[in-house]
Amino acid sequence: MARMKTKQKTKRLSDNEIDTFVVAEAGDEAAWSKPVKVHKANKAALSLPSSLAARAAFFAGLHREARLNDWLQKVIQERVDLEEAAFAGLKRELVSSSRKSR
């Protein structure tokens, strides 16, 4: 009859035990692996109602965009550019009108 191996539970270390372990090995270069480089992803999640997502997908198809995300990014970028231009124009008007009233 074959013996069944039992899985040994590994002891879960507390935060203090982990800190003690890390501090003890901090000066030992052999204890550390090569540094890992982490790059921030430029992606963000956006939640849309299903009806709006369906309408957006329809228009993305009309504009021959293969991916809905790409089309949405273009539309949002265009809208932000318009809003920034409108804001800059309004700011110029306010500055010039405040100078005239002095």
Protein backbone atom coordinates (compact mmCIF):
# COMPACT_ATOMS: atom_id res chain seq x y z
CA MET A 1 0.00 0.00 0.00
CA ALA A 2 1.33 3.46 -0.96
CA ARG A 3 1.89 6.08 1.69
CA MET A 4 0.01 9.33 1.24
CA LYS A 5 2.01 12.43 1.80
CA THR A 6 0.39 14.96 4.07
CA LYS A 7 0.81 18.58 3.30
CA GLN A 8 2.59 20.40 6.04
CA LYS A 9 1.11 23.74 6.93
CA THR A 10 3.60 26.53 6.63
CA LYS A 11 3.70 28.87 9.57
CA ARG A 12 2.32 32.29 8.71
CA LEU A 13 4.79 34.93 9.85
CA SER A 14 3.64 38.02 11.70
CA ASP A 15 4.65 41.48 10.49
CA ASN A 16 7.18 41.75 13.30
CA GLU A 17 8.74 38.39 12.38
CA ILE A 18 8.99 39.45 8.74
CA ASP A 19 10.57 42.77 9.74
CA THR A 20 13.10 41.00 11.97
CA PHE A 21 13.99 38.58 9.17
CA VAL A 22 14.42 41.35 6.59
CA VAL A 23 16.52 43.53 8.90
CA ALA A 24 18.75 40.56 9.75
CA GLU A 25 19.46 39.92 6.05
CA ALA A 26 19.56 43.56 4.93
CA GLY A 27 23.36 43.76 4.88
CA ASP A 28 23.87 40.35 3.24
CA GLU A 29 24.08 40.95 -0.54
CA ALA A 30 23.77 37.21 -1.25
CA ALA A 31 20.35 37.14 0.42
CA TRP A 32 18.88 39.55 -2.13
CA SER A 33 17.88 38.83 -5.69
CA LYS A 34 18.30 41.19 -8.61
CA PRO A 35 16.07 44.32 -8.35
CA VAL A 36 12.75 44.12 -10.11
CA LYS A 37 11.67 47.03 -12.30
CA VAL A 38 8.00 47.85 -12.19
CA HIS A 39 6.35 50.08 -14.78
CA LYS A 40 3.09 51.80 -14.13
CA ALA A 41 0.44 50.73 -16.57
CA ASN A 42 -1.22 53.57 -18.44
CA LYS A 43 -4.53 51.80 -18.35
CA ALA A 44 -7.57 52.80 -16.37
CA ALA A 45 -10.90 51.11 -15.89
CA LEU A 46 -14.07 52.94 -16.76
CA SER A 47 -17.51 51.69 -15.88
CA LEU A 48 -20.29 52.42 -18.40
CA PRO A 49 -23.94 51.46 -18.46
CA SER A 50 -24.50 48.65 -20.95
CA SER A 51 -26.75 50.78 -23.17
CA LEU A 52 -24.09 53.50 -23.46
CA ALA A 53 -21.38 50.90 -24.12
CA ALA A 54 -23.50 49.39 -26.91
CA ARG A 55 -24.06 52.81 -28.49
CA ALA A 56 -20.35 53.59 -28.25
CA ALA A 57 -19.48 50.24 -29.83
CA PHE A 58 -21.85 51.01 -32.71
CA PHE A 59 -20.16 54.36 -33.40
CA ALA A 60 -16.69 52.88 -33.01
CA GLY A 61 -17.65 50.43 -35.75
CA LEU A 62 -18.92 53.27 -37.96
CA HIS A 63 -15.55 54.97 -37.55
CA ARG A 64 -13.87 51.67 -38.51
CA GLU A 65 -12.09 51.42 -35.16
CA ALA A 66 -11.20 47.81 -34.39
CA ARG A 67 -11.21 48.28 -30.63
CA LEU A 68 -13.82 50.17 -28.66
CA ASN A 69 -11.20 51.26 -26.11
CA ASP A 70 -9.13 52.97 -28.82
CA TRP A 71 -12.15 54.85 -30.14
CA LEU A 72 -13.22 55.91 -26.64
CA GLN A 73 -9.70 57.17 -25.92
CA LYS A 74 -9.79 59.32 -29.08
CA VAL A 75 -13.25 60.70 -28.27
CA ILE A 76 -12.29 61.49 -24.67
CA GLN A 77 -9.03 63.14 -25.80
CA GLU A 78 -10.92 65.31 -28.31
CA ARG A 79 -13.45 66.32 -25.66
CA VAL A 80 -10.77 67.17 -23.10
CA ASP A 81 -8.94 69.27 -25.72
CA LEU A 82 -12.18 71.17 -26.46
CA GLU A 83 -12.85 71.73 -22.76
CA GLU A 84 -9.31 72.99 -22.18
CA ALA A 85 -9.57 75.40 -25.11
CA ALA A 86 -12.94 76.69 -23.89
CA PHE A 87 -11.56 77.12 -20.37
CA ALA A 88 -8.49 78.99 -21.64
CA GLY A 89 -10.72 81.30 -23.74
CA LEU A 90 -13.00 82.01 -20.80
CA LYS A 91 -10.01 82.71 -18.59
CA ARG A 92 -8.62 85.19 -21.16
CA GLU A 93 -12.00 86.95 -21.34
CA LEU A 94 -12.20 87.24 -17.56
CA VAL A 95 -8.67 88.63 -17.33
CA SER A 96 -9.24 91.18 -20.11
CA SER A 97 -12.62 92.29 -18.70
CA SER A 98 -11.15 92.71 -15.21
CA ARG A 99 -8.32 94.86 -16.65
CA LYS A 100 -10.81 97.08 -18.53
CA SER A 101 -12.87 97.70 -15.41
CA ARG A 102 -9.89 99.01 -13.43
